[in-house]
C-alpha atoms as a PDB file:
ATOM      1  CA  MET A   1      79.331  92.577 126.325  1.00  0.00           C
ATOM      2  CA  THR A   2      80.582  90.053 123.797  1.00  0.00           C
ATOM      3  CA  ARG A   3      79.988  90.720 120.129  1.00  0.00           C
ATOM      4  CA  THR A   4      79.819  88.021 117.531  1.00  0.00           C
ATOM      5  CA  ILE A   5      80.567  89.029 113.987  1.00  0.00           C
ATOM      6  CA  HIS A   6      79.369  86.686 111.317  1.00  0.00           C
ATOM      7  CA  SER A   7      81.166  86.616 108.026  1.00  0.00           C
ATOM      8  CA  PRO A   8      79.262  88.561 105.362  1.00  0.00           C
ATOM      9  CA  ASN A   9      80.995  86.447 102.752  1.00  0.00           C
ATOM     10  CA  ALA A  10      81.262  82.774 103.646  1.00  0.00           C
ATOM     11  CA  LYS A  11      83.536  82.076 100.657  1.00  0.00           C
ATOM     12  CA  ALA A  12      86.116  84.700 101.688  1.00  0.00           C
ATOM     13  CA  ASN A  13      88.791  82.190 102.645  1.00  0.00           C
ATOM     14  CA  PRO A  14      88.576  78.962 100.653  1.00  0.00           C
ATOM     15  CA  PRO A  15      89.697  75.631 102.154  1.00  0.00           C
ATOM     16  CA  GLY A  16      93.416  75.035 102.408  1.00  0.00           C
ATOM     17  CA  ARG A  17      96.133  77.130 103.989  1.00  0.00           C
ATOM     18  CA  GLN A  18      94.848  80.036 106.041  1.00  0.00           C
ATOM     19  CA  VAL A  19      95.484  83.400 104.331  1.00  0.00           C
ATOM     20  CA  ARG A  20      97.472  85.784 106.500  1.00  0.00           C
ATOM     21  CA  ILE A  21      96.835  89.545 106.516  1.00  0.00           C
ATOM     22  CA  LEU A  22      98.712  92.499 107.966  1.00  0.00           C
ATOM     23  CA  LEU A  23      96.035  95.024 109.020  1.00  0.00           C
ATOM     24  CA  VAL A  24      97.277  98.608 109.490  1.00  0.00           C
ATOM     25  CA  GLU A  25      94.721 101.133 110.793  1.00  0.00           C
ATOM     26  CA  ASP A  26      95.311 103.995 113.233  1.00  0.00           C
ATOM     27  CA  ASP A  27      91.733 104.143 114.555  1.00  0.00           C
ATOM     28  CA  ALA A  28      91.570 101.375 117.177  1.00  0.00           C
ATOM     29  CA  ASP A  29      87.784 100.945 116.911  1.00  0.00           C
ATOM     30  CA  VAL A  30      87.862 100.672 113.123  1.00  0.00           C
ATOM     31  CA  ARG A  31      90.835  98.296 113.311  1.00  0.00           C
ATOM     32  CA  MET A  32      88.995  96.085 115.816  1.00  0.00           C
ATOM     33  CA  ILE A  33      85.895  95.834 113.618  1.00  0.00           C
ATOM     34  CA  MET A  34      87.962  95.127 110.501  1.00  0.00           C
ATOM     35  CA  ARG A  35      90.001  92.513 112.405  1.00  0.00           C
ATOM     36  CA  ASP A  36      86.872  90.794 113.714  1.00  0.00           C
ATOM     37  CA  VAL A  37      85.241  90.691 110.281  1.00  0.00           C
ATOM     38  CA  LEU A  38      88.364  89.370 108.581  1.00  0.00           C
ATOM     39  CA  LYS A  39      88.934  86.764 111.313  1.00  0.00           C
ATOM     40  CA  ALA A  40      85.278  85.676 111.023  1.00  0.00           C
ATOM     41  CA  SER A  41      85.955  85.207 107.303  1.00  0.00           C
ATOM     42  CA  GLY A  42      88.760  82.783 108.121  1.00  0.00           C
ATOM     43  CA  TYR A  43      91.823  85.005 107.801  1.00  0.00           C
ATOM     44  CA  LEU A  44      94.733  85.110 110.250  1.00  0.00           C
ATOM     45  CA  ILE A  45      95.450  88.729 111.220  1.00  0.00           C
ATOM     46  CA  TRP A  46      98.496  90.658 112.398  1.00  0.00           C
ATOM     47  CA  GLU A  47      97.718  94.229 113.493  1.00  0.00           C
ATOM     48  CA  ALA A  48      99.537  97.548 113.555  1.00  0.00           C
ATOM     49  CA  ALA A  49      98.340 101.069 114.406  1.00  0.00           C
ATOM     50  CA  ASN A  50     100.680 102.895 111.991  1.00  0.00           C
ATOM     51  CA  GLY A  51     103.479 102.455 109.460  1.00  0.00           C
ATOM     52  CA  PRO A  52     106.387 102.079 111.912  1.00  0.00           C
ATOM     53  CA  GLU A  53     104.479  99.396 113.866  1.00  0.00           C
ATOM     54  CA  ALA A  54     103.682  97.634 110.588  1.00  0.00           C
ATOM     55  CA  LEU A  55     107.391  97.625 109.672  1.00  0.00           C
ATOM     56  CA  ASP A  56     108.158  95.976 113.031  1.00  0.00           C
ATOM     57  CA  VAL A  57     105.520  93.291 112.402  1.00  0.00           C
ATOM     58  CA  TRP A  58     106.873  92.821 108.878  1.00  0.00           C
ATOM     59  CA  LYS A  59     110.453  92.279 110.150  1.00  0.00           C
ATOM     60  CA  THR A  60     109.466  89.147 112.046  1.00  0.00           C
ATOM     61  CA  ASN A  61     106.563  87.869 109.922  1.00  0.00           C
ATOM     62  CA  ALA A  62     107.231  88.962 106.312  1.00  0.00           C
ATOM     63  CA  SER A  63     107.475  85.444 104.924  1.00  0.00           C
ATOM     64  CA  GLN A  64     104.075  84.582 106.380  1.00  0.00           C
ATOM     65  CA  ILE A  65     102.055  87.623 105.220  1.00  0.00           C
ATOM     66  CA  ASP A  66      99.976  87.193 102.054  1.00  0.00           C
ATOM     67  CA  LEU A  67      98.247  90.580 101.908  1.00  0.00           C
ATOM     68  CA  MET A  68      98.289  93.961 103.615  1.00  0.00           C
ATOM     69  CA  VAL A  69      95.174  96.035 104.295  1.00  0.00           C
ATOM     70  CA  THR A  70      96.258  99.546 105.238  1.00  0.00           C
ATOM     71  CA  ASP A  71      94.782 102.958 105.805  1.00  0.00           C
ATOM     72  CA  ILE A  72      96.293 105.512 103.414  1.00  0.00           C
ATOM     73  CA  ILE A  73      96.467 108.552 105.735  1.00  0.00           C
ATOM     74  CA  MET A  74      97.993 107.667 109.124  1.00  0.00           C
ATOM     75  CA  PRO A  75     100.108 109.250 111.828  1.00  0.00           C
ATOM     76  CA  GLY A  76     103.621 107.975 112.383  1.00  0.00           C
ATOM     77  CA  GLY A  77     105.442 109.311 109.349  1.00  0.00           C
ATOM     78  CA  LEU A  78     104.374 106.826 106.666  1.00  0.00           C
ATOM     79  CA  THR A  79     101.314 106.853 104.437  1.00  0.00           C
ATOM     80  CA  GLY A  80      99.764 103.617 103.288  1.00  0.00           C
ATOM     81  CA  TRP A  81     101.288 104.214  99.837  1.00  0.00           C
ATOM     82  CA  GLU A  82     104.764 104.677 101.321  1.00  0.00           C
ATOM     83  CA  LEU A  83     104.327 101.623 103.526  1.00  0.00           C
ATOM     84  CA  SER A  84     103.225  99.463 100.600  1.00  0.00           C
ATOM     85  CA  ASP A  85     106.215 100.703  98.548  1.00  0.00           C
ATOM     86  CA  LYS A  86     108.634  99.786 101.376  1.00  0.00           C
ATOM     87  CA  LEU A  87     107.153  96.301 101.836  1.00  0.00           C
ATOM     88  CA  ARG A  88     107.128  95.695  98.090  1.00  0.00           C
ATOM     89  CA  GLU A  89     110.849  96.489  97.951  1.00  0.00           C
ATOM     90  CA  ASP A  90     111.208  93.369 100.095  1.00  0.00           C
ATOM     91  CA  ARG A  91     108.464  91.404  98.317  1.00  0.00           C
ATOM     92  CA  PRO A  92     107.401  92.859  94.933  1.00  0.00           C
ATOM     93  CA  GLY A  93     104.331  90.628  94.584  1.00  0.00           C
ATOM     94  CA  LEU A  94     102.741  91.599  97.912  1.00  0.00           C
ATOM     95  CA  LYS A  95      99.009  92.146  97.510  1.00  0.00           C
ATOM     96  CA  VAL A  96      97.688  95.392  98.997  1.00  0.00           C
ATOM     97  CA  VAL A  97      94.280  96.869  99.810  1.00  0.00           C
ATOM     98  CA  LEU A  98      94.437 100.589 100.642  1.00  0.00           C
ATOM     99  CA  VAL A  99      91.614 102.102 102.684  1.00  0.00           C
ATOM    100  CA  SER A 100      90.786 105.804 102.875  1.00  0.00           C
ATOM    101  CA  GLY A 101      88.096 108.174 104.027  1.00  0.00           C
ATOM    102  CA  TYR A 102      89.552 110.914 101.838  1.00  0.00           C
ATOM    103  CA  GLY A 103      88.844 111.585  98.190  1.00  0.00           C
ATOM    104  CA  PRO A 104      91.267 110.860  95.331  1.00  0.00           C
ATOM    105  CA  ASP A 105      92.907 114.295  95.701  1.00  0.00           C
ATOM    106  CA  ARG A 106      94.314 113.231  99.125  1.00  0.00           C
ATOM    107  CA  THR A 107      94.824 109.518  98.550  1.00  0.00           C
ATOM    108  CA  GLY A 108      97.017 109.724  95.469  1.00  0.00           C
ATOM    109  CA  LYS A 109      96.792 108.048  92.097  1.00  0.00           C
ATOM    110  CA  LYS A 110      95.152 104.684  91.710  1.00  0.00           C
ATOM    111  CA  ARG A 111      97.730 102.017  90.919  1.00  0.00           C
ATOM    112  CA  PRO A 112      96.989  98.827  89.004  1.00  0.00           C
ATOM    113  CA  ASP A 113      98.836  96.736  91.619  1.00  0.00           C
ATOM    114  CA  SER A 114      96.618  97.841  94.523  1.00  0.00           C
ATOM    115  CA  HIS A 115      92.941  97.832  95.419  1.00  0.00           C
ATOM    116  CA  ILE A 116      91.365 100.901  97.040  1.00  0.00           C
ATOM    117  CA  LEU A 117      88.456 100.653  99.462  1.00  0.00           C
ATOM    118  CA  GLN A 118      86.723 103.951 100.172  1.00  0.00           C
ATOM    119  CA  LYS A 119      85.437 104.690 103.702  1.00  0.00           C
ATOM    120  CA  PRO A 120      82.737 104.361 104.759  1.00  0.00           C
ATOM    121  CA  PHE A 121      82.423 100.807 103.483  1.00  0.00           C
ATOM    122  CA  THR A 122      80.201  97.865 104.287  1.00  0.00           C
ATOM    123  CA  LEU A 123      81.585  94.785 105.967  1.00  0.00           C
ATOM    124  CA  GLU A 124      80.679  92.841 102.850  1.00  0.00           C
ATOM    125  CA  SER A 125      82.653  95.234 100.626  1.00  0.00           C
ATOM    126  CA  LEU A 126      85.689  94.793 102.912  1.00  0.00           C
ATOM    127  CA  THR A 127      85.708  91.011 102.547  1.00  0.00           C
ATOM    128  CA  GLU A 128      84.830  91.254  98.856  1.00  0.00           C
ATOM    129  CA  THR A 129      87.708  93.658  98.161  1.00  0.00           C
ATOM    130  CA  VAL A 130      90.156  91.462 100.089  1.00  0.00           C
ATOM    131  CA  ARG A 131      88.988  88.372  98.185  1.00  0.00           C
ATOM    132  CA  ASN A 132      89.215  90.210  94.820  1.00  0.00           C
ATOM    133  CA  CYS A 133      92.736  91.346  95.642  1.00  0.00           C
ATOM    134  CA  LEU A 134      93.799  87.829  96.627  1.00  0.00           C
ATOM    135  CA  ASP A 135      92.235  86.329  93.502  1.00  0.00           C
ATOM    136  CA  LYS A 136      93.920  88.801  91.127  1.00  0.00           C
ATOM    137  CA  PRO A 137      96.969  87.246  89.443  1.00  0.00           C
END
C-alpha cells in the first residue's frame, strides 16, 4: 500500500535552495513518518537511527546540512543534547529541533539556541517548528 503525505504547511520550504535536514530518530516508524512529512514540505532529508549513525552522516555531509531534528532520548550512547553539542563544536550556528516524549525532568533544560517539540505532536506542529527554527536568526 502506498501512502501519500501532503504537506500540512505549504510554505514550509520557500523557493530557492532546498533546505537540508539531518533527521535522527530511533523509532523507525516515527522516523519514516517524520521523513515523509518533511520531504512533502520540500526538505531534503538525511536519516540516522541514533547518535553514532548521525555522526557518520555528519562526517560526509556536514557542509550541506542546514538543520538537525533529533530525538532527545536515544540508544547508542548519545542523547540528542550531546549530539547537538558535538555537531555545534564543528558548526556553532547549526539549527536544532529536539524532539521528546518525556517531560522536562528527563529532557534537560531548555536552551535558547534550540527548539523543543514535545511528543506526541501533530504533523503541522512538526513543520511549523522546523520552519520557526530555520527562520530564527
